[in-house]
Amino acid sequence: QKLLYMHHNPVMRGLVLEPGQWRWSSFRHYAYGERGPVLVNEQRPRGEMKIRVA
């Protein structure tokens, strides 16, 4: 639930249309396994994260 809030915060603020568009978001890492400018240190396997991709 925290990830959902964090990833949608730039959308709710009107900065981007979709979570994956925010450059500093980890959304694309969790949703697609892509590497971004910020490294993510996962404590759980990616498959256990619940990220909805529309």
N, C-alpha and C. Protein backbone atom coordinates (compact mmCIF):
# COMPACT_ATOMS: atom_id res chain seq x y z
N GLN A 1 0.82 -1.18 0.00
CA GLN A 1 0.00 0.00 0.00
C GLN A 1 0.87 1.26 0.00
N LYS A 2 2.01 1.21 0.68
CA LYS A 2 2.91 2.36 0.68
C LYS A 2 3.48 2.60 -0.71
N LEU A 3 3.82 1.51 -1.41
CA LEU A 3 4.34 1.65 -2.77
C LEU A 3 3.30 2.28 -3.68
N LEU A 4 2.07 1.87 -3.54
CA LEU A 4 0.99 2.43 -4.36
C LEU A 4 0.88 3.94 -4.13
N TYR A 5 0.91 4.34 -2.87
CA TYR A 5 0.84 5.77 -2.53
C TYR A 5 2.03 6.52 -3.13
N MET A 6 3.24 5.99 -2.91
CA MET A 6 4.45 6.67 -3.40
C MET A 6 4.45 6.79 -4.91
N HIS A 7 4.05 5.73 -5.60
CA HIS A 7 4.09 5.74 -7.06
C HIS A 7 3.02 6.64 -7.67
N HIS A 8 1.91 6.82 -6.99
CA HIS A 8 0.83 7.65 -7.53
C HIS A 8 0.89 9.10 -7.05
N ASN A 9 1.80 9.41 -6.15
CA ASN A 9 1.90 10.77 -5.64
C ASN A 9 2.18 11.80 -6.74
N PRO A 10 3.14 11.58 -7.65
CA PRO A 10 3.36 12.56 -8.74
C PRO A 10 2.14 12.70 -9.65
N VAL A 11 1.37 11.62 -9.80
CA VAL A 11 0.15 11.67 -10.63
C VAL A 11 -0.89 12.53 -9.93
N MET A 12 -1.09 12.31 -8.63
CA MET A 12 -2.08 13.07 -7.87
C MET A 12 -1.72 14.56 -7.82
N ARG A 13 -0.44 14.88 -7.88
CA ARG A 13 0.01 16.27 -7.85
C ARG A 13 -0.02 16.93 -9.23
N GLY A 14 -0.36 16.14 -10.26
CA GLY A 14 -0.45 16.69 -11.61
C GLY A 14 0.89 16.87 -12.30
N LEU A 15 1.93 16.21 -11.80
CA LEU A 15 3.26 16.34 -12.40
C LEU A 15 3.44 15.44 -13.61
N VAL A 16 2.75 14.30 -13.62
CA VAL A 16 2.80 13.35 -14.74
C VAL A 16 1.42 12.72 -14.89
N LEU A 17 1.20 12.05 -16.02
CA LEU A 17 -0.09 11.39 -16.24
C LEU A 17 -0.10 9.96 -15.72
N GLU A 18 1.07 9.31 -15.72
CA GLU A 18 1.18 7.92 -15.27
C GLU A 18 2.39 7.78 -14.35
N PRO A 19 2.34 6.86 -13.36
CA PRO A 19 3.45 6.70 -12.42
C PRO A 19 4.80 6.44 -13.09
N GLY A 20 4.81 5.68 -14.16
CA GLY A 20 6.06 5.34 -14.83
C GLY A 20 6.74 6.51 -15.52
N GLN A 21 6.04 7.63 -15.65
CA GLN A 21 6.61 8.81 -16.30
C GLN A 21 7.49 9.64 -15.36
N TRP A 22 7.33 9.45 -14.06
CA TRP A 22 8.12 10.21 -13.09
C TRP A 22 9.53 9.65 -13.05
N ARG A 23 10.50 10.46 -13.42
CA ARG A 23 11.89 10.01 -13.56
C ARG A 23 12.44 9.35 -12.30
N TRP A 24 12.13 9.86 -11.14
CA TRP A 24 12.73 9.38 -9.90
C TRP A 24 11.88 8.31 -9.21
N SER A 25 10.92 7.75 -9.90
CA SER A 25 10.06 6.72 -9.33
C SER A 25 10.67 5.33 -9.49
N SER A 26 10.37 4.46 -8.55
CA SER A 26 10.79 3.06 -8.66
C SER A 26 9.69 2.22 -9.31
N PHE A 27 8.63 2.86 -9.78
CA PHE A 27 7.49 2.14 -10.36
C PHE A 27 7.92 1.19 -11.47
N ARG A 28 8.71 1.67 -12.42
CA ARG A 28 9.10 0.85 -13.58
C ARG A 28 9.96 -0.34 -13.14
N HIS A 29 10.69 -0.18 -12.05
CA HIS A 29 11.48 -1.30 -11.52
C HIS A 29 10.56 -2.41 -11.03
N TYR A 30 9.58 -2.05 -10.22
CA TYR A 30 8.68 -3.05 -9.65
C TYR A 30 7.70 -3.60 -10.68
N ALA A 31 7.25 -2.77 -11.60
CA ALA A 31 6.25 -3.22 -12.57
C ALA A 31 6.87 -4.01 -13.72
N TYR A 32 8.05 -3.58 -14.19
CA TYR A 32 8.63 -4.18 -15.39
C TYR A 32 10.03 -4.74 -15.21
N GLY A 33 10.62 -4.54 -14.04
CA GLY A 33 11.98 -5.02 -13.80
C GLY A 33 13.05 -4.15 -14.45
N GLU A 34 12.68 -2.94 -14.85
CA GLU A 34 13.63 -2.04 -15.50
C GLU A 34 14.51 -1.33 -14.47
N ARG A 35 15.72 -1.04 -14.88
CA ARG A 35 16.64 -0.33 -14.00
C ARG A 35 16.52 1.17 -14.26
N GLY A 36 16.45 1.94 -13.20
CA GLY A 36 16.31 3.39 -13.34
C GLY A 36 17.48 4.13 -12.71
N PRO A 37 17.36 5.44 -12.57
CA PRO A 37 18.45 6.24 -12.02
C PRO A 37 18.68 6.00 -10.52
N VAL A 38 17.68 5.47 -9.84
CA VAL A 38 17.80 5.18 -8.41
C VAL A 38 17.80 3.67 -8.24
N LEU A 39 18.84 3.14 -7.59
CA LEU A 39 18.92 1.69 -7.36
C LEU A 39 17.95 1.29 -6.26
N VAL A 40 17.30 0.14 -6.44
CA VAL A 40 16.32 -0.36 -5.48
C VAL A 40 16.92 -1.58 -4.80
N ASN A 41 16.93 -1.57 -3.47
CA ASN A 41 17.41 -2.70 -2.69
C ASN A 41 16.18 -3.45 -2.18
N GLU A 42 15.82 -4.51 -2.87
CA GLU A 42 14.61 -5.26 -2.53
C GLU A 42 14.86 -6.21 -1.37
N GLN A 43 13.91 -6.26 -0.46
CA GLN A 43 13.96 -7.22 0.63
C GLN A 43 13.10 -8.44 0.31
N ARG A 44 12.21 -8.28 -0.66
CA ARG A 44 11.36 -9.39 -1.09
C ARG A 44 11.52 -9.55 -2.59
N PRO A 45 11.33 -10.78 -3.08
CA PRO A 45 11.39 -10.97 -4.54
C PRO A 45 10.36 -10.10 -5.24
N ARG A 46 10.68 -9.63 -6.44
CA ARG A 46 9.80 -8.73 -7.21
C ARG A 46 8.41 -9.33 -7.40
N GLY A 47 8.30 -10.64 -7.55
CA GLY A 47 7.01 -11.28 -7.77
C GLY A 47 6.04 -11.12 -6.60
N GLU A 48 6.57 -10.85 -5.41
CA GLU A 48 5.71 -10.68 -4.24
C GLU A 48 5.14 -9.27 -4.13
N MET A 49 5.69 -8.33 -4.88
CA MET A 49 5.19 -6.96 -4.85
C MET A 49 3.90 -6.90 -5.66
N LYS A 50 2.94 -6.16 -5.18
CA LYS A 50 1.66 -6.05 -5.87
C LYS A 50 1.56 -4.69 -6.55
N ILE A 51 2.00 -4.64 -7.79
CA ILE A 51 1.95 -3.41 -8.57
C ILE A 51 0.97 -3.65 -9.71
N ARG A 52 -0.03 -2.78 -9.80
CA ARG A 52 -1.00 -2.89 -10.89
C ARG A 52 -0.53 -2.05 -12.07
N VAL A 53 -0.52 -2.65 -13.23
CA VAL A 53 -0.15 -1.94 -14.45
C VAL A 53 -1.38 -1.86 -15.33
N ALA A 54 -1.81 -0.63 -15.61
CA ALA A 54 -3.02 -0.45 -16.42
C ALA A 54 -2.69 -0.48 -17.89
